């Protein structure tokens, strides 16, 4: 099952519209979509290592722009769209906890949570809900998302062949681990 999905993703990553696709996924993941852009980022960079920095830049900019939408959902639409998204993902307890943490930690939350598997949309929506300073939000989102995507790009650009060989040799293990990390990110927020 994972082999055909992996092969399809690699083909998609090499497609001429792949950069638009990664931008769309990065944007959506920061505000409402459950799947992180890493699903496309990794195969795209493996397929186009010479464009690693360009791909990471597009991913970062789109993610921050999506984060701005998430912020707006929390700021303006929390009682309608925001509540629905938080409930849909089962993150009610986490959203309340995040709101309380913003009073103490603010920018540090954005910087740390943006690097983790905790859904970034929770961070962006909670930032808007807490009425966190928008300028600082954008700068910290740019730092944390840029760090995440550029570290991945640097590792894959430099060690791409051995990483790709490892992934292809242990595809089921890698895919299962990725899914577990994704589920753990959601679980960590709901159990907090």
N, C-alpha and C. Protein backbone atom coordinates (compact mmCIF):
# COMPACT_ATOMS: atom_id res chain seq x y z
N UNK A 1 0.82 -1.19 0.00
CA UNK A 1 0.00 0.00 0.00
C UNK A 1 0.87 1.26 0.00
N UNK A 2 1.88 1.30 0.87
CA UNK A 2 2.73 2.48 0.97
C UNK A 2 3.58 2.67 -0.29
N UNK A 3 3.98 1.57 -0.92
CA UNK A 3 4.83 1.66 -2.11
C UNK A 3 4.12 2.42 -3.23
N UNK A 4 2.88 2.08 -3.52
CA UNK A 4 2.17 2.76 -4.61
C UNK A 4 1.92 4.23 -4.25
N UNK A 5 1.62 4.51 -2.98
CA UNK A 5 1.42 5.89 -2.54
C UNK A 5 2.73 6.68 -2.64
N UNK A 6 3.82 6.06 -2.24
CA UNK A 6 5.15 6.69 -2.32
C UNK A 6 5.51 6.99 -3.77
N UNK A 7 5.34 6.01 -4.66
CA UNK A 7 5.66 6.20 -6.07
C UNK A 7 4.79 7.31 -6.68
N UNK A 8 3.51 7.34 -6.33
CA UNK A 8 2.60 8.37 -6.81
C UNK A 8 3.07 9.75 -6.33
N UNK A 9 3.47 9.84 -5.05
CA UNK A 9 3.93 11.10 -4.49
C UNK A 9 5.20 11.57 -5.18
N UNK A 10 6.12 10.65 -5.47
CA UNK A 10 7.34 11.03 -6.19
C UNK A 10 7.02 11.54 -7.59
N UNK A 11 6.10 10.87 -8.27
CA UNK A 11 5.69 11.34 -9.61
C UNK A 11 5.04 12.72 -9.51
N UNK A 12 4.18 12.89 -8.53
CA UNK A 12 3.52 14.17 -8.32
C UNK A 12 4.55 15.26 -7.98
N UNK A 13 5.55 14.91 -7.19
CA UNK A 13 6.59 15.86 -6.79
C UNK A 13 7.40 16.35 -7.98
N UNK A 14 7.51 15.55 -9.02
CA UNK A 14 8.26 15.93 -10.21
C UNK A 14 7.39 16.62 -11.25
N UNK A 15 6.09 16.72 -11.01
CA UNK A 15 5.15 17.32 -11.97
C UNK A 15 5.42 18.82 -12.11
N UNK A 16 5.10 19.39 -13.26
CA UNK A 16 5.38 20.81 -13.50
C UNK A 16 4.56 21.74 -12.61
N UNK A 17 3.46 21.27 -12.04
CA UNK A 17 2.65 22.09 -11.14
C UNK A 17 2.90 21.76 -9.66
N UNK A 18 3.94 21.02 -9.39
CA UNK A 18 4.21 20.58 -8.01
C UNK A 18 4.46 21.75 -7.07
N UNK A 19 5.12 22.80 -7.54
CA UNK A 19 5.38 23.95 -6.67
C UNK A 19 4.08 24.62 -6.24
N UNK A 20 3.12 24.69 -7.14
CA UNK A 20 1.80 25.24 -6.77
C UNK A 20 1.13 24.32 -5.75
N UNK A 21 1.28 23.02 -5.95
CA UNK A 21 0.69 22.05 -5.03
C UNK A 21 1.26 22.15 -3.63
N UNK A 22 2.59 22.27 -3.52
CA UNK A 22 3.21 22.37 -2.19
C UNK A 22 2.82 23.69 -1.53
N UNK A 23 2.67 24.74 -2.33
CA UNK A 23 2.24 26.03 -1.78
C UNK A 23 0.82 25.91 -1.22
N UNK A 24 -0.05 25.26 -1.97
CA UNK A 24 -1.44 25.09 -1.54
C UNK A 24 -1.51 24.25 -0.26
N UNK A 25 -0.78 23.15 -0.21
CA UNK A 25 -0.79 22.29 0.98
C UNK A 25 -0.21 23.03 2.18
N UNK A 26 0.88 23.75 1.99
CA UNK A 26 1.50 24.50 3.09
C UNK A 26 0.56 25.57 3.63
N UNK A 27 -0.11 26.26 2.72
CA UNK A 27 -1.08 27.29 3.11
C UNK A 27 -2.22 26.67 3.91
N UNK A 28 -2.81 25.62 3.35
CA UNK A 28 -3.97 24.99 3.97
C UNK A 28 -3.64 24.37 5.32
N UNK A 29 -2.47 23.75 5.44
CA UNK A 29 -2.11 23.07 6.69
C UNK A 29 -1.99 24.06 7.85
N UNK A 30 -1.63 25.28 7.56
CA UNK A 30 -1.46 26.28 8.63
C UNK A 30 -2.77 26.87 9.12
N UNK A 31 -3.87 26.54 8.43
CA UNK A 31 -5.14 27.13 8.85
C UNK A 31 -6.27 26.12 9.01
N UNK A 32 -6.31 25.04 8.20
CA UNK A 32 -7.45 24.13 8.34
C UNK A 32 -7.18 22.69 7.90
N UNK A 33 -6.17 22.41 7.11
CA UNK A 33 -5.94 21.08 6.54
C UNK A 33 -5.14 20.20 7.50
N UNK A 34 -5.50 18.91 7.67
CA UNK A 34 -4.85 18.08 8.68
C UNK A 34 -3.47 17.52 8.30
N UNK A 35 -3.14 17.46 7.02
CA UNK A 35 -1.90 16.81 6.61
C UNK A 35 -0.78 17.84 6.48
N UNK A 36 0.37 17.61 7.13
CA UNK A 36 1.48 18.56 7.05
C UNK A 36 2.14 18.54 5.67
N UNK A 37 2.77 19.64 5.28
CA UNK A 37 3.38 19.73 3.95
C UNK A 37 4.57 18.79 3.76
N UNK A 38 5.09 18.24 4.84
CA UNK A 38 6.23 17.33 4.76
C UNK A 38 5.95 16.14 3.83
N UNK A 39 4.67 15.78 3.72
CA UNK A 39 4.26 14.67 2.85
C UNK A 39 4.67 14.96 1.41
N UNK A 40 4.60 16.22 1.00
CA UNK A 40 5.02 16.61 -0.34
C UNK A 40 6.44 17.18 -0.35
N UNK A 41 6.83 17.85 0.73
CA UNK A 41 8.13 18.51 0.80
C UNK A 41 9.27 17.51 0.61
N UNK A 42 9.23 16.42 1.35
CA UNK A 42 10.32 15.44 1.29
C UNK A 42 10.45 14.84 -0.11
N UNK A 43 9.39 14.28 -0.70
CA UNK A 43 9.56 13.72 -2.04
C UNK A 43 9.91 14.77 -3.10
N UNK A 44 9.41 16.00 -2.94
CA UNK A 44 9.74 17.04 -3.91
C UNK A 44 11.22 17.35 -3.90
N UNK A 45 11.78 17.48 -2.70
CA UNK A 45 13.21 17.78 -2.62
C UNK A 45 14.03 16.58 -3.08
N UNK A 46 13.58 15.37 -2.75
CA UNK A 46 14.29 14.19 -3.24
C UNK A 46 14.26 14.13 -4.77
N UNK A 47 13.14 14.53 -5.36
CA UNK A 47 13.02 14.51 -6.82
C UNK A 47 13.74 15.68 -7.48
N UNK A 48 13.90 16.79 -6.74
CA UNK A 48 14.50 18.02 -7.30
C UNK A 48 15.48 18.63 -6.30
N UNK A 49 16.51 17.93 -5.97
CA UNK A 49 17.45 18.43 -4.95
C UNK A 49 18.06 19.78 -5.33
N UNK A 50 18.24 20.03 -6.62
CA UNK A 50 18.81 21.31 -7.06
C UNK A 50 17.88 22.49 -6.76
N UNK A 51 16.61 22.22 -6.48
CA UNK A 51 15.64 23.27 -6.17
C UNK A 51 15.22 23.27 -4.69
N UNK A 52 16.03 22.65 -3.85
CA UNK A 52 15.67 22.50 -2.43
C UNK A 52 15.37 23.85 -1.78
N UNK A 53 16.20 24.86 -2.03
CA UNK A 53 16.00 26.16 -1.37
C UNK A 53 14.74 26.84 -1.89
N UNK A 54 14.48 26.71 -3.18
CA UNK A 54 13.28 27.30 -3.76
C UNK A 54 12.03 26.64 -3.17
N UNK A 55 12.05 25.32 -3.06
CA UNK A 55 10.91 24.59 -2.51
C UNK A 55 10.67 24.97 -1.05
N UNK A 56 11.75 25.06 -0.28
CA UNK A 56 11.63 25.45 1.14
C UNK A 56 11.11 26.87 1.27
N UNK A 57 11.54 27.76 0.38
CA UNK A 57 11.07 29.15 0.42
C UNK A 57 9.58 29.22 0.14
N UNK A 58 9.14 28.52 -0.91
CA UNK A 58 7.72 28.51 -1.25
C UNK A 58 6.90 27.93 -0.10
N UNK A 59 7.39 26.84 0.46
CA UNK A 59 6.69 26.19 1.59
C UNK A 59 6.58 27.16 2.77
N UNK A 60 7.66 27.86 3.08
CA UNK A 60 7.67 28.79 4.21
C UNK A 60 6.70 29.95 3.99
N UNK A 61 6.80 30.58 2.84
CA UNK A 61 5.94 31.74 2.56
C UNK A 61 4.46 31.33 2.57
N UNK A 62 4.15 30.22 1.90
CA UNK A 62 2.75 29.76 1.86
C UNK A 62 2.26 29.38 3.26
N UNK A 63 3.12 28.76 4.05
CA UNK A 63 2.73 28.37 5.40
C UNK A 63 2.43 29.60 6.27
N UNK A 64 3.27 30.62 6.16
CA UNK A 64 3.04 31.84 6.93
C UNK A 64 1.76 32.55 6.46
N UNK A 65 1.54 32.57 5.15
CA UNK A 65 0.29 33.17 4.64
C UNK A 65 -0.93 32.38 5.13
N UNK A 66 -0.83 31.05 5.13
CA UNK A 66 -1.91 30.23 5.69
C UNK A 66 -2.07 30.48 7.18
N UNK A 67 -0.94 30.71 7.84
CA UNK A 67 -0.98 31.05 9.27
C UNK A 67 -1.73 32.35 9.51
N UNK A 68 -1.59 33.29 8.59
CA UNK A 68 -2.33 34.55 8.71
C UNK A 68 -3.83 34.30 8.60
N UNK A 69 -4.22 33.37 7.72
CA UNK A 69 -5.64 33.00 7.64
C UNK A 69 -6.07 32.33 8.95
N UNK A 70 -5.25 31.44 9.48
CA UNK A 70 -5.57 30.81 10.76
C UNK A 70 -5.71 31.85 11.87
N UNK A 71 -4.80 32.83 11.88
CA UNK A 71 -4.87 33.92 12.84
C UNK A 71 -6.20 34.66 12.70
N UNK A 72 -6.58 34.97 11.46
CA UNK A 72 -7.84 35.68 11.21
C UNK A 72 -9.03 34.85 11.67
N UNK A 73 -8.97 33.54 11.47
CA UNK A 73 -10.05 32.66 11.95
C UNK A 73 -10.17 32.78 13.46
N UNK A 74 -9.04 32.73 14.15
CA UNK A 74 -9.08 32.86 15.61
C UNK A 74 -9.50 34.24 16.08
N UNK A 75 -9.07 35.25 15.38
CA UNK A 75 -9.34 36.63 15.79
C UNK A 75 -10.78 37.05 15.48
N UNK A 76 -11.22 36.77 14.25
CA UNK A 76 -12.52 37.27 13.80
C UNK A 76 -13.64 36.23 13.82
N UNK A 77 -13.27 34.97 13.61
CA UNK A 77 -14.29 33.94 13.38
C UNK A 77 -14.23 32.78 14.37
N UNK A 78 -13.64 33.00 15.53
CA UNK A 78 -13.47 31.88 16.45
C UNK A 78 -14.80 31.27 16.87
N UNK A 79 -15.78 32.10 17.11
CA UNK A 79 -17.08 31.59 17.59
C UNK A 79 -17.80 30.74 16.54
N UNK A 80 -17.42 30.85 15.28
CA UNK A 80 -18.07 30.07 14.22
C UNK A 80 -17.07 29.09 13.60
N UNK A 81 -16.27 29.55 12.67
CA UNK A 81 -15.33 28.69 11.95
C UNK A 81 -14.26 28.12 12.88
N UNK A 82 -13.69 28.96 13.73
CA UNK A 82 -12.64 28.51 14.65
C UNK A 82 -13.10 27.39 15.56
N UNK A 83 -14.25 27.57 16.19
CA UNK A 83 -14.80 26.53 17.08
C UNK A 83 -15.04 25.23 16.31
N UNK A 84 -15.57 25.36 15.09
CA UNK A 84 -15.85 24.17 14.29
C UNK A 84 -14.55 23.43 13.98
N UNK A 85 -13.50 24.17 13.55
CA UNK A 85 -12.23 23.52 13.23
C UNK A 85 -11.62 22.86 14.47
N UNK A 86 -11.62 23.57 15.58
CA UNK A 86 -11.06 23.03 16.82
C UNK A 86 -11.84 21.78 17.24
N UNK A 87 -13.17 21.83 17.16
CA UNK A 87 -13.99 20.67 17.51
C UNK A 87 -13.78 19.52 16.54
N UNK A 88 -13.67 19.83 15.25
CA UNK A 88 -13.48 18.81 14.22
C UNK A 88 -12.23 17.98 14.51
N UNK A 89 -11.17 18.64 14.96
CA UNK A 89 -9.92 17.94 15.26
C UNK A 89 -9.83 17.48 16.71
N UNK A 90 -10.87 17.75 17.50
CA UNK A 90 -10.88 17.32 18.90
C UNK A 90 -9.87 18.05 19.75
N UNK A 91 -9.66 19.31 19.48
CA UNK A 91 -8.61 20.07 20.14
C UNK A 91 -9.14 21.14 21.10
N UNK A 92 -10.38 20.97 21.60
CA UNK A 92 -10.98 21.99 22.46
C UNK A 92 -10.13 22.27 23.70
N UNK A 93 -9.72 21.22 24.37
CA UNK A 93 -8.93 21.38 25.59
C UNK A 93 -7.60 22.05 25.28
N UNK A 94 -6.97 21.63 24.18
CA UNK A 94 -5.70 22.21 23.77
C UNK A 94 -5.81 23.68 23.42
N UNK A 95 -6.89 24.07 22.77
CA UNK A 95 -7.09 25.47 22.38
C UNK A 95 -7.24 26.35 23.62
N UNK A 96 -7.98 25.86 24.60
CA UNK A 96 -8.15 26.62 25.84
C UNK A 96 -6.82 26.77 26.57
N UNK A 97 -6.07 25.69 26.64
CA UNK A 97 -4.75 25.71 27.29
C UNK A 97 -3.82 26.67 26.56
N UNK A 98 -3.81 26.63 25.22
CA UNK A 98 -2.97 27.53 24.44
C UNK A 98 -3.33 28.99 24.73
N UNK A 99 -4.61 29.28 24.81
CA UNK A 99 -5.05 30.65 25.09
C UNK A 99 -4.47 31.12 26.41
N UNK A 100 -4.51 30.28 27.43
CA UNK A 100 -3.96 30.64 28.74
C UNK A 100 -2.45 30.82 28.69
N UNK A 101 -1.77 29.97 27.94
CA UNK A 101 -0.30 30.05 27.84
C UNK A 101 0.16 31.34 27.16
N UNK A 102 -0.65 31.86 26.22
CA UNK A 102 -0.25 33.07 25.51
C UNK A 102 -0.04 34.24 26.45
N UNK A 103 -0.79 34.28 27.53
CA UNK A 103 -0.63 35.36 28.50
C UNK A 103 0.79 35.37 29.08
N UNK A 104 1.38 34.17 29.21
CA UNK A 104 2.72 34.07 29.80
C UNK A 104 3.83 33.98 28.75
N UNK A 105 3.63 33.18 27.73
CA UNK A 105 4.75 32.80 26.87
C UNK A 105 4.72 33.37 25.46
N UNK A 106 3.58 33.73 24.91
CA UNK A 106 3.45 34.38 23.60
C UNK A 106 4.33 33.85 22.48
N UNK A 107 5.35 34.62 22.14
CA UNK A 107 6.22 34.30 20.98
C UNK A 107 6.92 32.95 21.14
N UNK A 108 7.30 32.58 22.35
CA UNK A 108 7.99 31.31 22.56
C UNK A 108 7.11 30.13 22.15
N UNK A 109 5.81 30.24 22.39
CA UNK A 109 4.88 29.17 21.99
C UNK A 109 4.90 28.99 20.48
N UNK A 110 4.82 30.10 19.76
CA UNK A 110 4.82 30.02 18.30
C UNK A 110 6.13 29.42 17.80
N UNK A 111 7.24 29.90 18.34
CA UNK A 111 8.55 29.42 17.90
C UNK A 111 8.73 27.92 18.16
N UNK A 112 8.35 27.47 19.33
CA UNK A 112 8.56 26.05 19.68
C UNK A 112 7.53 25.16 19.00
N UNK A 113 6.27 25.52 19.07
CA UNK A 113 5.22 24.66 18.51
C UNK A 113 5.29 24.57 16.99
N UNK A 114 5.81 25.59 16.34
CA UNK A 114 5.93 25.57 14.89
C UNK A 114 6.94 24.55 14.38
N UNK A 115 7.81 24.09 15.26
CA UNK A 115 8.82 23.09 14.89
C UNK A 115 8.38 21.66 15.19
N UNK A 116 7.33 21.51 15.96
CA UNK A 116 6.90 20.20 16.44
C UNK A 116 5.81 19.61 15.55
N UNK A 117 5.47 18.33 15.79
CA UNK A 117 4.35 17.75 15.02
C UNK A 117 2.97 18.21 15.51
N UNK A 118 2.93 19.06 16.53
CA UNK A 118 1.65 19.61 16.98
C UNK A 118 1.09 20.43 15.82
N UNK A 119 -0.17 20.24 15.47
CA UNK A 119 -0.74 20.93 14.30
C UNK A 119 -0.56 22.45 14.39
N UNK A 120 0.08 23.02 13.36
CA UNK A 120 0.37 24.45 13.36
C UNK A 120 -0.91 25.28 13.30
N UNK A 121 -1.97 24.72 12.74
CA UNK A 121 -3.24 25.45 12.67
C UNK A 121 -3.74 25.78 14.07
N UNK A 122 -3.47 24.92 15.05
CA UNK A 122 -3.86 25.21 16.42
C UNK A 122 -3.12 26.45 16.93
N UNK A 123 -1.84 26.54 16.61
CA UNK A 123 -1.04 27.69 17.01
C UNK A 123 -1.56 28.97 16.35
N UNK A 124 -1.87 28.89 15.06
CA UNK A 124 -2.30 30.10 14.36
C UNK A 124 -3.67 30.57 14.83
N UNK A 125 -4.59 29.64 14.98
CA UNK A 125 -5.94 30.00 15.44
C UNK A 125 -5.89 30.51 16.88
N UNK A 126 -5.11 29.85 17.73
CA UNK A 126 -4.99 30.29 19.13
C UNK A 126 -4.32 31.66 19.20
N UNK A 127 -3.39 31.95 18.31
CA UNK A 127 -2.74 33.27 18.29
C UNK A 127 -3.77 34.37 18.02
N UNK A 128 -4.64 34.12 17.05
CA UNK A 128 -5.70 35.10 16.76
C UNK A 128 -6.68 35.22 17.90
N UNK A 129 -7.07 34.07 18.47
CA UNK A 129 -8.01 34.07 19.58
C UNK A 129 -7.46 34.86 20.77
N UNK A 130 -6.15 34.72 21.03
CA UNK A 130 -5.51 35.43 22.15
C UNK A 130 -5.22 36.89 21.80
N UNK A 131 -5.54 37.28 20.56
CA UNK A 131 -5.28 38.65 20.10
C UNK A 131 -3.80 38.99 20.26
N UNK A 132 -2.96 37.96 20.00
CA UNK A 132 -1.52 38.14 20.08
C UNK A 132 -1.08 39.16 19.03
N UNK A 133 -0.06 39.95 19.33
CA UNK A 133 0.43 40.98 18.42
C UNK A 133 0.68 40.38 17.04
N UNK A 134 -0.02 40.90 16.01
CA UNK A 134 0.03 40.32 14.67
C UNK A 134 1.43 40.38 14.06
N UNK A 135 2.12 41.50 14.22
CA UNK A 135 3.47 41.64 13.67
C UNK A 135 4.43 40.62 14.25
N UNK A 136 4.38 40.46 15.56
CA UNK A 136 5.25 39.47 16.22
C UNK A 136 4.84 38.07 15.79
N UNK A 137 3.55 37.84 15.64
CA UNK A 137 3.07 36.54 15.16
C UNK A 137 3.68 36.20 13.79
N UNK A 138 3.62 37.15 12.86
CA UNK A 138 4.13 36.90 11.50
C UNK A 138 5.64 36.63 11.54
N UNK A 139 6.38 37.43 12.29
CA UNK A 139 7.84 37.25 12.37
C UNK A 139 8.19 35.90 12.99
N UNK A 140 7.52 35.54 14.09
CA UNK A 140 7.84 34.26 14.74
C UNK A 140 7.40 33.08 13.88
N UNK A 141 6.27 33.21 13.18
CA UNK A 141 5.83 32.15 12.28
C UNK A 141 6.84 31.98 11.14
N UNK A 142 7.34 33.07 10.62
CA UNK A 142 8.34 33.03 9.55
C UNK A 142 9.62 32.35 10.04
N UNK A 143 10.04 32.67 11.24
CA UNK A 143 11.25 32.06 11.80
C UNK A 143 11.06 30.56 12.01
N UNK A 144 9.98 30.17 12.68
CA UNK A 144 9.80 28.76 13.03
C UNK A 144 9.51 27.89 11.82
N UNK A 145 8.66 28.37 10.91
CA UNK A 145 8.36 27.57 9.72
C UNK A 145 9.55 27.54 8.78
N UNK A 146 10.23 28.67 8.64
CA UNK A 146 11.43 28.70 7.80
C UNK A 146 12.49 27.76 8.32
N UNK A 147 12.70 27.78 9.63
CA UNK A 147 13.68 26.87 10.23
C UNK A 147 13.32 25.42 9.93
N UNK A 148 12.08 25.08 10.16
CA UNK A 148 11.65 23.70 9.94
C UNK A 148 11.86 23.27 8.48
N UNK A 149 11.38 24.06 7.55
CA UNK A 149 11.45 23.66 6.14
C UNK A 149 12.86 23.75 5.57
N UNK A 150 13.65 24.74 6.01
CA UNK A 150 15.00 24.86 5.49
C UNK A 150 15.94 23.80 6.08
N UNK A 151 15.71 23.38 7.31
CA UNK A 151 16.51 22.27 7.87
C UNK A 151 16.23 20.99 7.09
N UNK A 152 14.96 20.73 6.82
CA UNK A 152 14.61 19.55 6.02
C UNK A 152 15.25 19.65 4.63
N UNK A 153 15.16 20.83 4.02
CA UNK A 153 15.74 21.03 2.68
C UNK A 153 17.26 20.82 2.70
N UNK A 154 17.93 21.36 3.72
CA UNK A 154 19.39 21.22 3.80
C UNK A 154 19.79 19.75 3.96
N UNK A 155 19.10 19.05 4.85
CA UNK A 155 19.42 17.63 5.06
C UNK A 155 19.18 16.81 3.80
N UNK A 156 18.05 17.04 3.14
CA UNK A 156 17.74 16.27 1.94
C UNK A 156 18.63 16.66 0.76
N UNK A 157 18.99 17.91 0.69
CA UNK A 157 19.87 18.36 -0.40
C UNK A 157 21.25 17.74 -0.24
N UNK A 158 21.73 17.71 0.99
CA UNK A 158 23.09 17.20 1.24
C UNK A 158 23.14 15.68 1.31
N UNK A 159 22.16 15.07 1.98
CA UNK A 159 22.16 13.61 2.20
C UNK A 159 21.03 12.92 1.43
N UNK A 160 20.58 13.50 0.36
CA UNK A 160 19.41 13.00 -0.36
C UNK A 160 19.47 11.56 -0.79
N UNK A 161 20.58 11.15 -1.41
CA UNK A 161 20.66 9.78 -1.91
C UNK A 161 20.58 8.75 -0.79
N UNK A 162 21.38 8.87 0.27
CA UNK A 162 21.26 7.88 1.34
C UNK A 162 19.90 7.91 2.05
N UNK A 163 19.33 9.12 2.20
CA UNK A 163 18.01 9.22 2.83
C UNK A 163 16.96 8.56 1.95
N UNK A 164 17.02 8.83 0.64
CA UNK A 164 16.06 8.21 -0.27
C UNK A 164 16.21 6.70 -0.27
N UNK A 165 17.45 6.22 -0.26
CA UNK A 165 17.69 4.77 -0.22
C UNK A 165 17.12 4.18 1.07
N UNK A 166 17.32 4.87 2.19
CA UNK A 166 16.79 4.41 3.48
C UNK A 166 15.26 4.36 3.43
N UNK A 167 14.64 5.43 2.92
CA UNK A 167 13.17 5.49 2.84
C UNK A 167 12.65 4.35 1.98
N UNK A 168 13.26 4.17 0.81
CA UNK A 168 12.76 3.14 -0.10
C UNK A 168 12.98 1.73 0.43
N UNK A 169 14.06 1.53 1.17
CA UNK A 169 14.33 0.20 1.72
C UNK A 169 13.40 -0.11 2.90
N UNK A 170 13.05 0.91 3.66
CA UNK A 170 12.23 0.73 4.86
C UNK A 170 10.95 1.57 4.78
N UNK A 171 10.30 1.53 3.65
CA UNK A 171 9.15 2.39 3.39
C UNK A 171 8.02 2.20 4.39
N UNK A 172 7.69 0.97 4.71
CA UNK A 172 6.61 0.72 5.67
C UNK A 172 6.96 1.28 7.04
N UNK A 173 8.19 1.10 7.48
CA UNK A 173 8.63 1.64 8.77
C UNK A 173 8.56 3.16 8.76
N UNK A 174 9.07 3.79 7.71
CA UNK A 174 9.08 5.25 7.62
C UNK A 174 7.65 5.80 7.59
N UNK A 175 6.80 5.21 6.77
CA UNK A 175 5.41 5.68 6.66
C UNK A 175 4.65 5.49 7.97
N UNK A 176 4.85 4.35 8.60
CA UNK A 176 4.19 4.09 9.89
C UNK A 176 4.68 5.06 10.95
N UNK A 177 5.99 5.31 10.99
CA UNK A 177 6.55 6.25 11.95
C UNK A 177 5.98 7.65 11.72
N UNK A 178 5.91 8.07 10.46
CA UNK A 178 5.34 9.38 10.13
C UNK A 178 3.90 9.49 10.62
N UNK A 179 3.11 8.46 10.36
CA UNK A 179 1.71 8.47 10.81
C UNK A 179 1.62 8.51 12.33
N UNK A 180 2.48 7.76 13.01
CA UNK A 180 2.48 7.77 14.48
C UNK A 180 2.85 9.15 15.03
N UNK A 181 3.83 9.79 14.41
CA UNK A 181 4.23 11.13 14.84
C UNK A 181 3.08 12.12 14.62
N UNK A 182 2.40 12.00 13.48
CA UNK A 182 1.26 12.87 13.19
C UNK A 182 0.14 12.66 14.21
N UNK A 183 -0.18 11.42 14.50
CA UNK A 183 -1.21 11.11 15.48
C UNK A 183 -0.76 11.57 16.87
N UNK A 184 0.51 11.39 17.19
CA UNK A 184 1.04 11.82 18.49
C UNK A 184 0.93 13.34 18.65
N UNK A 185 1.14 14.07 17.55
CA UNK A 185 1.00 15.52 17.61
C UNK A 185 -0.43 15.93 17.97
N UNK A 186 -1.39 15.30 17.32
CA UNK A 186 -2.80 15.58 17.65
C UNK A 186 -3.12 15.11 19.08
N UNK A 187 -2.63 13.94 19.44
CA UNK A 187 -2.91 13.40 20.78
C UNK A 187 -2.30 14.26 21.87
N UNK A 188 -1.09 14.78 21.62
CA UNK A 188 -0.43 15.61 22.62
C UNK A 188 -1.26 16.85 22.93
N UNK A 189 -1.89 17.39 21.92
CA UNK A 189 -2.71 18.58 22.13
C UNK A 189 -4.01 18.24 22.84
N UNK A 190 -4.61 17.11 22.50
CA UNK A 190 -5.89 16.78 23.13
C UNK A 190 -5.73 16.29 24.55
N UNK A 191 -4.55 15.78 24.89
CA UNK A 191 -4.33 15.26 26.24
C UNK A 191 -3.75 16.30 27.19
N UNK A 192 -3.31 17.45 26.64
CA UNK A 192 -2.70 18.48 27.49
C UNK A 192 -3.73 19.05 28.43
